[in-house]
Amino acid sequence: MLSPITFVESYAVTDHKESQSKISITVSYVNDTSKTHTVLVNSNQKYTVSQEYSWIKDNFTRFSLQAHSIDNSPFVTIQRMPDGNFTLDIFTNSNHSIIFLAKPQFKIITSGTSKVNFFPLSPTHDNWFDADSGVQIIIPHVIQSDQENIRQQLSGWSLDNSDINIISRQELGSYKSPTIHMSSMHKIDLEYTTQYYIKVISNFGRPLGTGWYDSGTITYVSVTPNNDDTFIKHVFTGWQGSVIGSENQESVGVLSDSPKIIIANWFVDYTNVSIIGIIVVAVLVLLAIYQKRRTPPKQKL
């Protein structure tokens, strides 16, 4: 494991005429999270010690800097960062001992979506978490695509290639996983199912089947005629759109392989209106004839 520590070139703060003796700066780590280093430097100068905020132990573990101590003084907390360097200026008026405290961390790798949040957040503001801590993932039940009528619906997840845990389908909100114990690196696979929106349109009757459906499934759409067509009747004549089965049936199948609009076509039947009109005209004619017959003829003077 490479050392995460570097010593930056110093500059003199005293008169160059003074004889300069050598003093030592020793950097060590609690629990030997990195190798101890000692450097000999000229006295009465300022040295900058640059320490990485985090450094990799192996492909699965890293150490995250937490605090430092100078010459056995109480530890001073260091703001946790995912990368970059923490710097410490040391005046070389005497030998010094610097101790760094670092926390082991493990990584969580997720696949299936980038819209993953963690609770609680990582202390280093990334996807690495302190050893022996507990964390939950929070993911949306529905992810809308750039196209309005296509989306992803959360259906399951697995931890470290285990069996898929089925998740109850929800239209809104987010799913929060059980607590994951960080004793090692973890890989989480999220399973999302592509869904398409099928829209059923009808100017008459009651259309059924509009909604979101999993890709590759077959759903059934239908239309129910109104029962209040007293005079003007609407006769269903078929479907407009990609359907499975006879287009003239009031219930047909639709393959969910893309967003679709299915339209019910109708014919307006005015037969009853025509018959009623004829009857009304006939009655009026008969009434006119009857009235004419009952009216006595005018007498001539």
C-alpha atoms as a PDB file:
ATOM      1  CA  MET A   1       0.000   0.000   0.000  1.00  0.00           C
ATOM      2  CA  LEU A   2       1.451   3.364  -1.051  1.00  0.00           C
ATOM      3  CA  SER A   3       1.896   6.073   1.508  1.00  0.00           C
ATOM      4  CA  PRO A   4      -0.864   8.733   1.482  1.00  0.00           C
ATOM      5  CA  ILE A   5       1.509  11.295   3.018  1.00  0.00           C
ATOM      6  CA  THR A   6       3.794  13.818   1.313  1.00  0.00           C
ATOM      7  CA  PHE A   7       6.138  16.456   2.678  1.00  0.00           C
ATOM      8  CA  VAL A   8       6.161  19.788   0.875  1.00  0.00           C
ATOM      9  CA  GLU A   9       9.376  21.739   0.484  1.00  0.00           C
ATOM     10  CA  SER A  10      10.053  24.037   3.406  1.00  0.00           C
ATOM     11  CA  TYR A  11      11.350  27.565   3.568  1.00  0.00           C
ATOM     12  CA  ALA A  12      13.590  29.159   6.215  1.00  0.00           C
ATOM     13  CA  VAL A  13      12.121  31.601   8.698  1.00  0.00           C
ATOM     14  CA  THR A  14      15.386  32.445  10.511  1.00  0.00           C
ATOM     15  CA  ASP A  15      18.628  34.081   9.557  1.00  0.00           C
ATOM     16  CA  HIS A  16      20.624  31.864   7.195  1.00  0.00           C
ATOM     17  CA  LYS A  17      23.735  32.658   9.245  1.00  0.00           C
ATOM     18  CA  GLU A  18      22.390  30.535  12.059  1.00  0.00           C
ATOM     19  CA  SER A  19      23.637  27.014  12.032  1.00  0.00           C
ATOM     20  CA  GLN A  20      20.768  24.658  11.202  1.00  0.00           C
ATOM     21  CA  SER A  21      20.535  21.325  12.937  1.00  0.00           C
ATOM     22  CA  LYS A  22      18.367  18.477  11.782  1.00  0.00           C
ATOM     23  CA  ILE A  23      15.125  17.579  13.499  1.00  0.00           C
ATOM     24  CA  SER A  24      12.673  14.773  12.723  1.00  0.00           C
ATOM     25  CA  ILE A  25       8.994  14.757  11.826  1.00  0.00           C
ATOM     26  CA  THR A  26       7.359  11.371  12.325  1.00  0.00           C
ATOM     27  CA  VAL A  27       3.934  10.568  10.898  1.00  0.00           C
ATOM     28  CA  SER A  28       2.108   7.500  12.141  1.00  0.00           C
ATOM     29  CA  TYR A  29      -1.415   6.094  11.945  1.00  0.00           C
ATOM     30  CA  VAL A  30      -3.771   4.650  14.544  1.00  0.00           C
ATOM     31  CA  ASN A  31      -4.254   0.911  13.905  1.00  0.00           C
ATOM     32  CA  ASP A  32      -1.494   1.055  11.270  1.00  0.00           C
ATOM     33  CA  THR A  33      -3.837   2.148   8.509  1.00  0.00           C
ATOM     34  CA  SER A  34      -0.707   3.254   6.649  1.00  0.00           C
ATOM     35  CA  LYS A  35       3.043   2.981   7.112  1.00  0.00           C
ATOM     36  CA  THR A  36       4.888   5.185   9.615  1.00  0.00           C
ATOM     37  CA  HIS A  37       7.194   7.742   7.993  1.00  0.00           C
ATOM     38  CA  THR A  38       9.995   9.878   9.384  1.00  0.00           C
ATOM     39  CA  VAL A  39      11.723  12.731   7.594  1.00  0.00           C
ATOM     40  CA  LEU A  40      14.749  14.767   8.690  1.00  0.00           C
ATOM     41  CA  VAL A  41      14.462  18.484   8.028  1.00  0.00           C
ATOM     42  CA  ASN A  42      16.337  21.637   8.850  1.00  0.00           C
ATOM     43  CA  SER A  43      15.374  23.283  12.098  1.00  0.00           C
ATOM     44  CA  ASN A  44      13.476  26.559  12.407  1.00  0.00           C
ATOM     45  CA  GLN A  45      11.580  26.191   9.168  1.00  0.00           C
ATOM     46  CA  LYS A  46       7.988  25.607   8.213  1.00  0.00           C
ATOM     47  CA  TYR A  47       7.127  22.263   6.678  1.00  0.00           C
ATOM     48  CA  THR A  48       3.777  21.434   5.132  1.00  0.00           C
ATOM     49  CA  VAL A  49       2.558  17.917   5.582  1.00  0.00           C
ATOM     50  CA  SER A  50      -0.013  16.969   2.929  1.00  0.00           C
ATOM     51  CA  GLN A  51      -2.231  14.022   3.801  1.00  0.00           C
ATOM     52  CA  GLU A  52      -4.815  12.454   1.503  1.00  0.00           C
ATOM     53  CA  TYR A  53      -8.385  12.650   2.811  1.00  0.00           C
ATOM     54  CA  SER A  54      -8.899   9.047   1.722  1.00  0.00           C
ATOM     55  CA  TRP A  55      -6.701   6.298   0.370  1.00  0.00           C
ATOM     56  CA  ILE A  56      -7.389   2.884  -1.079  1.00  0.00           C
ATOM     57  CA  LYS A  57      -6.367  -0.247   0.787  1.00  0.00           C
ATOM     58  CA  ASP A  58      -7.598  -2.635  -1.912  1.00  0.00           C
ATOM     59  CA  ASN A  59     -10.381  -2.778  -4.471  1.00  0.00           C
ATOM     60  CA  PHE A  60     -12.992  -3.130  -1.741  1.00  0.00           C
ATOM     61  CA  THR A  61     -11.716  -1.046   1.187  1.00  0.00           C
ATOM     62  CA  ARG A  62     -10.334   2.422   1.761  1.00  0.00           C
ATOM     63  CA  PHE A  63      -9.441   4.594   4.741  1.00  0.00           C
ATOM     64  CA  SER A  64     -11.040   7.971   5.406  1.00  0.00           C
ATOM     65  CA  LEU A  65      -9.213  10.620   7.430  1.00  0.00           C
ATOM     66  CA  GLN A  66     -11.035  11.610  10.634  1.00  0.00           C
ATOM     67  CA  ALA A  67      -8.665  13.460  12.974  1.00  0.00           C
ATOM     68  CA  HIS A  68      -5.054  14.329  13.742  1.00  0.00           C
ATOM     69  CA  SER A  69      -2.881  14.822  16.815  1.00  0.00           C
ATOM     70  CA  ILE A  70       0.408  16.729  17.146  1.00  0.00           C
ATOM     71  CA  ASP A  71       2.873  15.668  19.816  1.00  0.00           C
ATOM     72  CA  ASN A  72       0.271  13.542  21.684  1.00  0.00           C
ATOM     73  CA  SER A  73      -2.174  16.416  22.068  1.00  0.00           C
ATOM     74  CA  PRO A  74      -5.916  15.652  21.949  1.00  0.00           C
ATOM     75  CA  PHE A  75      -7.180  14.622  18.524  1.00  0.00           C
ATOM     76  CA  VAL A  76      -8.583  17.420  16.369  1.00  0.00           C
ATOM     77  CA  THR A  77     -11.476  16.457  14.088  1.00  0.00           C
ATOM     78  CA  ILE A  78     -10.930  16.849  10.356  1.00  0.00           C
ATOM     79  CA  GLN A  79     -13.810  17.525   7.969  1.00  0.00           C
ATOM     80  CA  ARG A  80     -14.444  14.342   5.999  1.00  0.00           C
ATOM     81  CA  MET A  81     -13.862  14.583   2.255  1.00  0.00           C
ATOM     82  CA  PRO A  82     -13.950  11.980  -0.551  1.00  0.00           C
ATOM     83  CA  ASP A  83     -10.732  13.151  -2.217  1.00  0.00           C
ATOM     84  CA  GLY A  84      -8.105  15.868  -2.196  1.00  0.00           C
ATOM     85  CA  ASN A  85      -5.507  16.592   0.473  1.00  0.00           C
ATOM     86  CA  PHE A  86      -5.524  17.856   4.035  1.00  0.00           C
ATOM     87  CA  THR A  87      -2.516  20.072   4.767  1.00  0.00           C
ATOM     88  CA  LEU A  88      -0.813  20.730   8.074  1.00  0.00           C
ATOM     89  CA  ASP A  89       1.938  23.312   8.632  1.00  0.00           C
ATOM     90  CA  ILE A  90       4.634  22.306  11.137  1.00  0.00           C
ATOM     91  CA  PHE A  91       7.284  24.664  12.541  1.00  0.00           C
ATOM     92  CA  THR A  92      10.494  22.744  12.970  1.00  0.00           C
ATOM     93  CA  ASN A  93      11.656  24.177  16.262  1.00  0.00           C
ATOM     94  CA  SER A  94      11.832  20.661  17.715  1.00  0.00           C
ATOM     95  CA  ASN A  95      11.121  17.059  16.854  1.00  0.00           C
ATOM     96  CA  HIS A  96       7.439  16.434  16.172  1.00  0.00           C
ATOM     97  CA  SER A  97       5.117  13.454  16.119  1.00  0.00           C
ATOM     98  CA  ILE A  98       1.944  13.565  14.021  1.00  0.00           C
ATOM     99  CA  ILE A  99      -0.707  10.882  14.398  1.00  0.00           C
ATOM    100  CA  PHE A 100      -3.586  10.496  11.940  1.00  0.00           C
ATOM    101  CA  LEU A 101      -6.821   8.685  12.740  1.00  0.00           C
ATOM    102  CA  ALA A 102      -8.638   7.126   9.806  1.00  0.00           C
ATOM    103  CA  LYS A 103     -11.822   5.091   9.504  1.00  0.00           C
ATOM    104  CA  PRO A 104     -12.152   2.011   7.246  1.00  0.00           C
ATOM    105  CA  GLN A 105     -14.871   2.387   4.615  1.00  0.00           C
ATOM    106  CA  PHE A 106     -16.652   0.049   2.217  1.00  0.00           C
ATOM    107  CA  LYS A 107     -18.261   0.875  -1.100  1.00  0.00           C
ATOM    108  CA  ILE A 108     -21.861   0.362  -2.274  1.00  0.00           C
ATOM    109  CA  ILE A 109     -22.164  -0.240  -6.013  1.00  0.00           C
ATOM    110  CA  THR A 110     -25.630   0.071  -7.572  1.00  0.00           C
ATOM    111  CA  SER A 111     -26.919  -0.836 -11.025  1.00  0.00           C
ATOM    112  CA  GLY A 112     -30.307  -0.378 -12.683  1.00  0.00           C
ATOM    113  CA  THR A 113     -30.708   3.366 -12.166  1.00  0.00           C
ATOM    114  CA  SER A 114     -28.635   6.388 -11.254  1.00  0.00           C
ATOM    115  CA  LYS A 115     -31.458   7.850  -9.126  1.00  0.00           C
ATOM    116  CA  VAL A 116     -30.265   6.301  -5.856  1.00  0.00           C
ATOM    117  CA  ASN A 117     -30.137   8.141  -2.531  1.00  0.00           C
ATOM    118  CA  PHE A 118     -28.668   6.870   0.728  1.00  0.00           C
ATOM    119  CA  PHE A 119     -29.931   7.197   4.297  1.00  0.00           C
ATOM    120  CA  PRO A 120     -28.057   8.331   6.212  1.00  0.00           C
ATOM    121  CA  LEU A 121     -25.781  10.118   3.771  1.00  0.00           C
ATOM    122  CA  SER A 122     -22.192   8.997   3.478  1.00  0.00           C
ATOM    123  CA  PRO A 123     -19.888  10.932   5.844  1.00  0.00           C
ATOM    124  CA  THR A 124     -17.639  11.489   2.831  1.00  0.00           C
ATOM    125  CA  HIS A 125     -20.520  12.574   0.561  1.00  0.00           C
ATOM    126  CA  ASP A 126     -20.173   9.710  -1.899  1.00  0.00           C
ATOM    127  CA  ASN A 127     -21.014   5.990  -2.021  1.00  0.00           C
ATOM    128  CA  TRP A 128     -18.428   4.900   0.591  1.00  0.00           C
ATOM    129  CA  PHE A 129     -19.629   4.180   4.138  1.00  0.00           C
ATOM    130  CA  ASP A 130     -17.875   3.675   7.459  1.00  0.00           C
ATOM    131  CA  ALA A 131     -17.274   0.109   8.596  1.00  0.00           C
ATOM    132  CA  ASP A 132     -19.961  -1.274  10.946  1.00  0.00           C
ATOM    133  CA  SER A 133     -22.439   1.464   9.999  1.00  0.00           C
ATOM    134  CA  GLY A 134     -25.928   0.807   8.634  1.00  0.00           C
ATOM    135  CA  VAL A 135     -27.346   2.375   5.498  1.00  0.00           C
ATOM    136  CA  GLN A 136     -30.554   2.184   3.465  1.00  0.00           C
ATOM    137  CA  ILE A 137     -31.051   2.910  -0.222  1.00  0.00           C
ATOM    138  CA  ILE A 138     -33.955   5.119  -1.323  1.00  0.00           C
ATOM    139  CA  ILE A 139     -35.149   4.796  -4.913  1.00  0.00           C
ATOM    140  CA  PRO A 140     -38.239   6.104  -6.760  1.00  0.00           C
ATOM    141  CA  HIS A 141     -41.012   3.646  -7.586  1.00  0.00           C
ATOM    142  CA  VAL A 142     -41.508   5.285 -10.992  1.00  0.00           C
ATOM    143  CA  ILE A 143     -38.939   6.889 -13.282  1.00  0.00           C
ATOM    144  CA  GLN A 144     -40.415   8.874 -16.166  1.00  0.00           C
ATOM    145  CA  SER A 145     -38.450   8.757 -19.406  1.00  0.00           C
ATOM    146  CA  ASP A 146     -37.908  11.642 -21.784  1.00  0.00           C
ATOM    147  CA  GLN A 147     -40.949  10.403 -23.697  1.00  0.00           C
ATOM    148  CA  GLU A 148     -44.210  11.167 -21.899  1.00  0.00           C
ATOM    149  CA  ASN A 149     -45.798   7.770 -22.533  1.00  0.00           C
ATOM    150  CA  ILE A 150     -42.823   5.583 -21.510  1.00  0.00           C
ATOM    151  CA  ARG A 151     -41.630   4.989 -17.942  1.00  0.00           C
ATOM    152  CA  GLN A 152     -39.747   2.566 -15.681  1.00  0.00           C
ATOM    153  CA  GLN A 153     -41.583   0.855 -12.796  1.00  0.00           C
ATOM    154  CA  LEU A 154     -39.595  -0.539  -9.838  1.00  0.00           C
ATOM    155  CA  SER A 155     -40.250  -4.257  -9.443  1.00  0.00           C
ATOM    156  CA  GLY A 156     -37.420  -5.713  -7.325  1.00  0.00           C
ATOM    157  CA  TRP A 157     -33.867  -5.555  -5.979  1.00  0.00           C
ATOM    158  CA  SER A 158     -31.108  -7.906  -4.912  1.00  0.00           C
ATOM    159  CA  LEU A 159     -28.116  -7.644  -2.590  1.00  0.00           C
ATOM    160  CA  ASP A 160     -24.783  -9.201  -3.583  1.00  0.00           C
ATOM    161  CA  ASN A 161     -26.290 -11.313  -6.385  1.00  0.00           C
ATOM    162  CA  SER A 162     -28.859 -12.952  -4.099  1.00  0.00           C
ATOM    163  CA  ASP A 163     -32.416 -13.785  -5.174  1.00  0.00           C
ATOM    164  CA  ILE A 164     -34.559 -10.874  -6.343  1.00  0.00           C
ATOM    165  CA  ASN A 165     -36.685  -9.317  -3.603  1.00  0.00           C
ATOM    166  CA  ILE A 166     -40.061  -8.499  -5.149  1.00  0.00           C
ATOM    167  CA  ILE A 167     -41.298  -4.946  -4.476  1.00  0.00           C
ATOM    168  CA  SER A 168     -44.992  -4.107  -4.441  1.00  0.00           C
ATOM    169  CA  ARG A 169     -45.874  -1.813  -7.346  1.00  0.00           C
ATOM    170  CA  GLN A 170     -46.569   1.797  -6.369  1.00  0.00           C
ATOM    171  CA  GLU A 171     -47.527   4.778  -8.515  1.00  0.00           C
ATOM    172  CA  LEU A 172     -46.011   7.429  -6.243  1.00  0.00           C
ATOM    173  CA  GLY A 173     -43.256   7.886  -3.696  1.00  0.00           C
ATOM    174  CA  SER A 174     -40.006   6.029  -3.041  1.00  0.00           C
ATOM    175  CA  TYR A 175     -38.918   2.623  -1.776  1.00  0.00           C
ATOM    176  CA  LYS A 176     -36.602   2.425   1.250  1.00  0.00           C
ATOM    177  CA  SER A 177     -34.669  -0.809   1.618  1.00  0.00           C
ATOM    178  CA  PRO A 178     -33.968  -2.693   4.840  1.00  0.00           C
ATOM    179  CA  THR A 179     -30.788  -1.576   6.628  1.00  0.00           C
ATOM    180  CA  ILE A 180     -27.598  -2.845   4.985  1.00  0.00           C
ATOM    181  CA  HIS A 181     -24.730  -3.587   7.394  1.00  0.00           C
ATOM    182  CA  MET A 182     -21.421  -2.247   6.111  1.00  0.00           C
ATOM    183  CA  SER A 183     -19.035  -5.041   7.007  1.00  0.00           C
ATOM    184  CA  SER A 184     -17.800  -5.351   3.427  1.00  0.00           C
ATOM    185  CA  MET A 185     -18.387  -3.953  -0.037  1.00  0.00           C
ATOM    186  CA  HIS A 186     -21.932  -4.476  -1.348  1.00  0.00           C
ATOM    187  CA  LYS A 187     -23.416  -4.661  -4.827  1.00  0.00           C
ATOM    188  CA  ILE A 188     -27.089  -3.782  -5.255  1.00  0.00           C
ATOM    189  CA  ASP A 189     -28.978  -4.623  -8.447  1.00  0.00           C
ATOM    190  CA  LEU A 190     -32.212  -2.705  -9.002  1.00  0.00           C
ATOM    191  CA  GLU A 191     -34.834  -4.188 -11.300  1.00  0.00           C
ATOM    192  CA  TYR A 192     -37.022  -1.803 -13.274  1.00  0.00           C
ATOM    193  CA  THR A 193     -39.665  -2.809 -15.818  1.00  0.00           C
ATOM    194  CA  THR A 194     -40.379  -0.711 -18.906  1.00  0.00           C
ATOM    195  CA  GLN A 195     -44.031   0.316 -19.189  1.00  0.00           C
ATOM    196  CA  TYR A 196     -46.048   1.885 -22.013  1.00  0.00           C
ATOM    197  CA  TYR A 197     -49.185   3.995 -21.755  1.00  0.00           C
ATOM    198  CA  ILE A 198     -52.204   2.652 -23.640  1.00  0.00           C
ATOM    199  CA  LYS A 199     -54.985   5.209 -24.163  1.00  0.00           C
ATOM    200  CA  VAL A 200     -58.518   4.206 -25.161  1.00  0.00           C
ATOM    201  CA  ILE A 201     -60.669   6.938 -26.715  1.00  0.00           C
ATOM    202  CA  SER A 202     -64.391   6.829 -27.498  1.00  0.00           C
ATOM    203  CA  ASN A 203     -66.811   9.672 -28.227  1.00  0.00           C
ATOM    204  CA  PHE A 204     -69.698   7.516 -27.033  1.00  0.00           C
ATOM    205  CA  GLY A 205     -70.170   4.775 -24.464  1.00  0.00           C
ATOM    206  CA  ARG A 206     -67.712   3.967 -21.686  1.00  0.00           C
ATOM    207  CA  PRO A 207     -64.134   3.057 -22.786  1.00  0.00           C
ATOM    208  CA  LEU A 208     -62.138   0.713 -20.534  1.00  0.00           C
ATOM    209  CA  GLY A 209     -58.435  -0.203 -20.476  1.00  0.00           C
ATOM    210  CA  THR A 210     -56.562   3.102 -20.395  1.00  0.00           C
ATOM    211  CA  GLY A 211     -53.401   2.809 -18.261  1.00  0.00           C
ATOM    212  CA  TRP A 212     -49.755   1.747 -17.917  1.00  0.00           C
ATOM    213  CA  TYR A 213     -48.760  -1.798 -18.935  1.00  0.00           C
ATOM    214  CA  ASP A 214     -45.515  -3.798 -18.750  1.00  0.00           C
ATOM    215  CA  SER A 215     -43.586  -4.137 -21.980  1.00  0.00           C
ATOM    216  CA  GLY A 216     -44.449  -7.347 -23.850  1.00  0.00           C
ATOM    217  CA  THR A 217     -47.753  -8.003 -22.074  1.00  0.00           C
ATOM    218  CA  ILE A 218     -51.194  -8.193 -23.686  1.00  0.00           C
ATOM    219  CA  THR A 219     -54.002  -6.149 -22.195  1.00  0.00           C
ATOM    220  CA  TYR A 220     -57.660  -6.038 -23.151  1.00  0.00           C
ATOM    221  CA  VAL A 221     -59.528  -2.854 -23.959  1.00  0.00           C
ATOM    222  CA  SER A 222     -63.263  -2.548 -24.453  1.00  0.00           C
ATOM    223  CA  VAL A 223     -66.127  -0.124 -24.830  1.00  0.00           C
ATOM    224  CA  THR A 224     -69.608  -0.377 -23.329  1.00  0.00           C
ATOM    225  CA  PRO A 225     -72.427   1.342 -25.282  1.00  0.00           C
ATOM    226  CA  ASN A 226     -74.723   3.757 -23.450  1.00  0.00           C
ATOM    227  CA  ASN A 227     -78.176   2.546 -22.442  1.00  0.00           C
ATOM    228  CA  ASP A 228     -79.827   5.945 -22.845  1.00  0.00           C
ATOM    229  CA  ASP A 229     -79.876   6.065 -26.648  1.00  0.00           C
ATOM    230  CA  THR A 230     -83.656   6.571 -26.860  1.00  0.00           C
ATOM    231  CA  PHE A 231     -84.025   8.298 -30.192  1.00  0.00           C
ATOM    232  CA  ILE A 232     -80.567   8.536 -31.756  1.00  0.00           C
ATOM    233  CA  LYS A 233     -78.626   5.259 -31.567  1.00  0.00           C
ATOM    234  CA  HIS A 234     -74.826   4.902 -31.697  1.00  0.00           C
ATOM    235  CA  VAL A 235     -73.685   1.679 -33.285  1.00  0.00           C
ATOM    236  CA  PHE A 236     -70.131   0.456 -32.621  1.00  0.00           C
ATOM    237  CA  THR A 237     -68.361  -0.256 -35.933  1.00  0.00           C
ATOM    238  CA  GLY A 238     -64.802  -1.206 -34.901  1.00  0.00           C
ATOM    239  CA  TRP A 239     -61.425  -0.080 -33.588  1.00  0.00           C
ATOM    240  CA  GLN A 240     -58.824   2.245 -35.014  1.00  0.00           C
ATOM    241  CA  GLY A 241     -55.286   1.268 -33.987  1.00  0.00           C
ATOM    242  CA  SER A 242     -53.177  -1.865 -33.565  1.00  0.00           C
ATOM    243  CA  VAL A 243     -55.366  -4.477 -31.882  1.00  0.00           C
ATOM    244  CA  ILE A 244     -55.408  -8.270 -31.543  1.00  0.00           C
ATOM    245  CA  GLY A 245     -58.580 -10.022 -32.631  1.00  0.00           C
ATOM    246  CA  SER A 246     -61.541  -8.887 -34.690  1.00  0.00           C
ATOM    247  CA  GLU A 247     -61.697  -5.106 -34.978  1.00  0.00           C
ATOM    248  CA  ASN A 248     -65.497  -5.308 -34.883  1.00  0.00           C
ATOM    249  CA  GLN A 249     -65.572  -6.806 -31.374  1.00  0.00           C
ATOM    250  CA  GLU A 250     -66.263  -4.490 -28.478  1.00  0.00           C
ATOM    251  CA  SER A 251     -63.383  -6.126 -26.519  1.00  0.00           C
ATOM    252  CA  VAL A 252     -59.962  -6.709 -28.114  1.00  0.00           C
ATOM    253  CA  GLY A 253     -56.373  -7.343 -27.061  1.00  0.00           C
ATOM    254  CA  VAL A 254     -53.514  -4.846 -27.351  1.00  0.00           C
ATOM    255  CA  LEU A 255     -49.798  -5.765 -27.291  1.00  0.00           C
ATOM    256  CA  SER A 256     -47.813  -3.392 -25.058  1.00  0.00           C
ATOM    257  CA  ASP A 257     -44.708  -2.979 -27.198  1.00  0.00           C
ATOM    258  CA  SER A 258     -44.953   0.811 -27.548  1.00  0.00           C
ATOM    259  CA  PRO A 259     -47.249   3.669 -26.474  1.00  0.00           C
ATOM    260  CA  LYS A 260     -50.571   3.347 -28.289  1.00  0.00           C
ATOM    261  CA  ILE A 261     -53.846   5.173 -28.847  1.00  0.00           C
ATOM    262  CA  ILE A 262     -56.872   2.957 -29.559  1.00  0.00           C
ATOM    263  CA  ILE A 263     -59.989   4.703 -30.874  1.00  0.00           C
ATOM    264  CA  ALA A 264     -63.540   3.274 -30.925  1.00  0.00           C
ATOM    265  CA  ASN A 265     -65.485   4.117 -34.107  1.00  0.00           C
ATOM    266  CA  TRP A 266     -69.237   4.619 -34.100  1.00  0.00           C
ATOM    267  CA  PHE A 267     -72.053   4.998 -36.616  1.00  0.00           C
ATOM    268  CA  VAL A 268     -74.913   7.337 -35.722  1.00  0.00           C
ATOM    269  CA  ASP A 269     -78.265   5.699 -36.539  1.00  0.00           C
ATOM    270  CA  TYR A 270     -81.145   8.169 -37.052  1.00  0.00           C
ATOM    271  CA  THR A 271     -83.706   5.463 -37.957  1.00  0.00           C
ATOM    272  CA  ASN A 272     -85.798   6.020 -34.826  1.00  0.00           C
ATOM    273  CA  VAL A 273     -85.855   9.772 -35.398  1.00  0.00           C
ATOM    274  CA  SER A 274     -86.974   9.249 -38.978  1.00  0.00           C
ATOM    275  CA  ILE A 275     -89.728   6.866 -37.932  1.00  0.00           C
ATOM    276  CA  ILE A 276     -90.942   9.249 -35.258  1.00  0.00           C
ATOM    277  CA  GLY A 277     -90.859  12.106 -37.772  1.00  0.00           C
ATOM    278  CA  ILE A 278     -92.923  10.102 -40.237  1.00  0.00           C
ATOM    279  CA  ILE A 279     -95.425   9.197 -37.539  1.00  0.00           C
ATOM    280  CA  VAL A 280     -95.711  12.823 -36.427  1.00  0.00           C
ATOM    281  CA  VAL A 281     -96.271  14.008 -40.003  1.00  0.00           C
ATOM    282  CA  ALA A 282     -98.851  11.283 -40.593  1.00  0.00           C
ATOM    283  CA  VAL A 283    -100.713  12.206 -37.414  1.00  0.00           C
ATOM    284  CA  LEU A 284    -100.735  15.856 -38.391  1.00  0.00           C
ATOM    285  CA  VAL A 285    -102.066  15.012 -41.840  1.00  0.00           C
ATOM    286  CA  LEU A 286    -104.775  12.803 -40.368  1.00  0.00           C
ATOM    287  CA  LEU A 287    -105.739  15.507 -37.904  1.00  0.00           C
ATOM    288  CA  ALA A 288    -105.961  18.032 -40.704  1.00  0.00           C
ATOM    289  CA  ILE A 289    -108.162  15.738 -42.775  1.00  0.00           C
ATOM    290  CA  TYR A 290    -110.341  14.969 -39.782  1.00  0.00           C
ATOM    291  CA  GLN A 291    -110.704  18.622 -38.925  1.00  0.00           C
ATOM    292  CA  LYS A 292    -111.563  19.471 -42.501  1.00  0.00           C
ATOM    293  CA  ARG A 293    -114.298  16.831 -42.603  1.00  0.00           C
ATOM    294  CA  ARG A 294    -115.877  18.071 -39.398  1.00  0.00           C
ATOM    295  CA  THR A 295    -116.019  21.660 -40.527  1.00  0.00           C
ATOM    296  CA  PRO A 296    -119.443  22.278 -42.253  1.00  0.00           C
ATOM    297  CA  PRO A 297    -119.275  23.843 -45.701  1.00  0.00           C
ATOM    298  CA  LYS A 298    -120.071  27.526 -45.913  1.00  0.00           C
ATOM    299  CA  GLN A 299    -123.655  28.298 -47.161  1.00  0.00           C
ATOM    300  CA  LYS A 300    -124.062  30.436 -50.259  1.00  0.00           C
ATOM    301  CA  LEU A 301    -126.046  33.649 -49.854  1.00  0.00           C
END
